[in-house]
Amino acid sequence: MKNRNLLESFKNAFQGVWHTLVNEKNMKIHLAAAAMVIIVALWLGVSKIEMTVLCVTIAMVICFELINTAMEVMVNIIVDVYHPKAKIIKDVSAGAVFVSALFSIAVGVIILGDKLLIRLQSLYGLLK
């Protein structure tokens, strides 16, 4: 199972991300939200530091979703029937994604909130 070279390592990593994107509804939601945040941030002209914080926050949520998917698959391999401890593992893993997503929303509101309100107010003023 060891990768023979760097290219194979990247290929396997990409396959893991692709598997999660294709099979996990929440990953699709996270990526759609991430795309919207980046588009809005570019439209609002956020600073490089603000964009960096947004990108790191997005990466955090996506990484937790990848880890959550891996944990669920691993638990399903090990335990093929319902077990309360397997449920705890899955719930805690999902909780990590949930907490990271909540904090990413907070970061987005802190960075984009005022700028977005000002931009929308100026657009609304132009439309009067």
Protein backbone atom coordinates (compact mmCIF):
# COMPACT_ATOMS: atom_id res chain seq x y z
CA MET A 1 0.00 0.00 0.00
CA LYS A 2 3.01 2.31 0.11
CA ASN A 3 3.20 4.81 -2.73
CA ARG A 4 5.99 4.07 -5.17
CA ASN A 5 6.65 7.72 -6.02
CA LEU A 6 5.49 11.27 -5.45
CA LEU A 7 3.17 11.28 -8.45
CA GLU A 8 1.37 8.17 -7.18
CA SER A 9 1.05 9.80 -3.77
CA PHE A 10 -0.61 12.87 -5.31
CA LYS A 11 -2.85 10.66 -7.45
CA ASN A 12 -4.04 8.72 -4.39
CA ALA A 13 -4.66 11.93 -2.45
CA PHE A 14 -6.68 13.35 -5.34
CA GLN A 15 -8.70 10.12 -5.51
CA GLY A 16 -9.54 10.51 -1.82
CA VAL A 17 -10.73 14.07 -2.30
CA TRP A 18 -12.66 13.04 -5.44
CA HIS A 19 -14.30 10.11 -3.60
CA THR A 20 -15.48 12.46 -0.88
CA LEU A 21 -16.73 15.04 -3.35
CA VAL A 22 -18.67 12.47 -5.38
CA ASN A 23 -20.10 10.51 -2.44
CA GLU A 24 -20.65 13.05 0.33
CA LYS A 25 -23.46 15.60 -0.02
CA ASN A 26 -21.93 17.79 2.69
CA MET A 27 -18.66 18.11 0.78
CA LYS A 28 -20.60 19.46 -2.18
CA ILE A 29 -22.30 21.96 0.13
CA HIS A 30 -18.95 23.00 1.66
CA LEU A 31 -17.35 23.51 -1.76
CA ALA A 32 -20.34 25.48 -3.08
CA ALA A 33 -20.27 27.71 0.01
CA ALA A 34 -16.50 28.12 -0.34
CA ALA A 35 -16.86 29.19 -3.98
CA MET A 36 -19.55 31.72 -3.05
CA VAL A 37 -17.41 33.14 -0.22
CA ILE A 38 -14.38 33.51 -2.49
CA ILE A 39 -16.43 35.17 -5.23
CA VAL A 40 -18.03 37.59 -2.75
CA ALA A 41 -14.63 38.31 -1.15
CA LEU A 42 -13.13 39.11 -4.56
CA TRP A 43 -16.14 41.28 -5.44
CA LEU A 44 -15.75 43.17 -2.16
CA GLY A 45 -11.99 43.58 -2.63
CA VAL A 46 -10.92 42.14 0.71
CA SER A 47 -7.28 42.49 1.70
CA LYS A 48 -4.70 39.77 1.15
CA ILE A 49 -4.69 38.97 4.86
CA GLU A 50 -8.48 38.71 4.96
CA MET A 51 -8.47 36.45 1.88
CA THR A 52 -5.79 34.31 3.50
CA VAL A 53 -7.87 33.91 6.65
CA LEU A 54 -10.92 33.00 4.56
CA CYS A 55 -8.93 30.43 2.56
CA VAL A 56 -7.43 28.85 5.69
CA THR A 57 -10.88 28.67 7.24
CA ILE A 58 -12.30 27.05 4.11
CA ALA A 59 -9.42 24.56 4.05
CA MET A 60 -10.07 23.71 7.70
CA VAL A 61 -13.70 22.78 7.01
CA ILE A 62 -12.81 20.75 3.92
CA CYS A 63 -10.05 18.91 5.80
CA PHE A 64 -12.41 18.04 8.63
CA GLU A 65 -14.96 16.76 6.11
CA LEU A 66 -12.27 14.55 4.53
CA ILE A 67 -11.27 13.21 7.96
CA ASN A 68 -14.93 12.64 8.85
CA THR A 69 -15.45 10.62 5.68
CA ALA A 70 -12.34 8.54 6.41
CA MET A 71 -13.53 7.89 9.98
CA GLU A 72 -16.97 6.80 8.79
CA VAL A 73 -15.51 4.40 6.22
CA MET A 74 -13.07 2.99 8.78
CA VAL A 75 -15.81 2.44 11.36
CA ASN A 76 -18.01 0.78 8.73
CA ILE A 77 -15.18 -1.62 7.88
CA ILE A 78 -14.47 -2.52 11.49
CA VAL A 79 -18.05 -2.67 12.76
CA ASP A 80 -20.63 -4.11 10.38
CA VAL A 81 -23.55 -3.89 12.83
CA TYR A 82 -24.82 -1.07 15.03
CA HIS A 83 -22.62 -0.44 18.04
CA PRO A 84 -23.02 2.49 20.45
CA LYS A 85 -19.28 3.21 20.49
CA ALA A 86 -19.16 3.23 16.69
CA LYS A 87 -21.97 5.79 16.80
CA ILE A 88 -19.95 7.94 19.20
CA ILE A 89 -16.93 7.85 16.86
CA LYS A 90 -19.07 8.89 13.91
CA ASP A 91 -20.92 11.56 15.91
CA VAL A 92 -17.72 13.09 17.30
CA SER A 93 -16.14 13.13 13.85
CA ALA A 94 -19.23 14.81 12.41
CA GLY A 95 -19.18 17.21 15.36
CA ALA A 96 -15.67 18.32 14.38
CA VAL A 97 -16.96 19.24 10.93
CA PHE A 98 -19.94 21.03 12.47
CA VAL A 99 -17.82 23.09 14.86
CA SER A 100 -15.37 24.04 12.11
CA ALA A 101 -18.27 25.04 9.85
CA LEU A 102 -19.83 27.21 12.58
CA PHE A 103 -16.54 28.98 13.21
CA SER A 104 -16.02 29.46 9.48
CA ILE A 105 -19.41 31.17 9.28
CA ALA A 106 -18.37 33.45 12.14
CA VAL A 107 -15.09 34.28 10.39
CA GLY A 108 -16.97 34.98 7.16
CA VAL A 109 -19.41 37.30 8.92
CA ILE A 110 -16.58 39.14 10.70
CA ILE A 111 -14.58 39.65 7.51
CA LEU A 112 -17.34 40.10 4.94
CA GLY A 113 -20.33 41.36 6.94
CA ASP A 114 -19.72 45.12 7.11
CA LYS A 115 -18.19 45.30 3.63
CA LEU A 116 -21.13 43.43 2.14
CA LEU A 117 -23.70 45.64 3.88
CA ILE A 118 -21.93 48.79 2.68
CA ARG A 119 -21.70 47.47 -0.89
CA LEU A 120 -25.37 46.43 -0.93
CA GLN A 121 -26.43 49.78 0.51
CA SER A 122 -24.47 51.62 -2.17
CA LEU A 123 -26.00 49.44 -4.88
CA TYR A 124 -29.46 49.95 -3.44
CA GLY A 125 -28.83 53.70 -3.41
CA LEU A 126 -27.93 53.57 -7.09
CA LEU A 127 -31.12 51.68 -7.88
CA LYS A 128 -33.45 54.25 -6.27
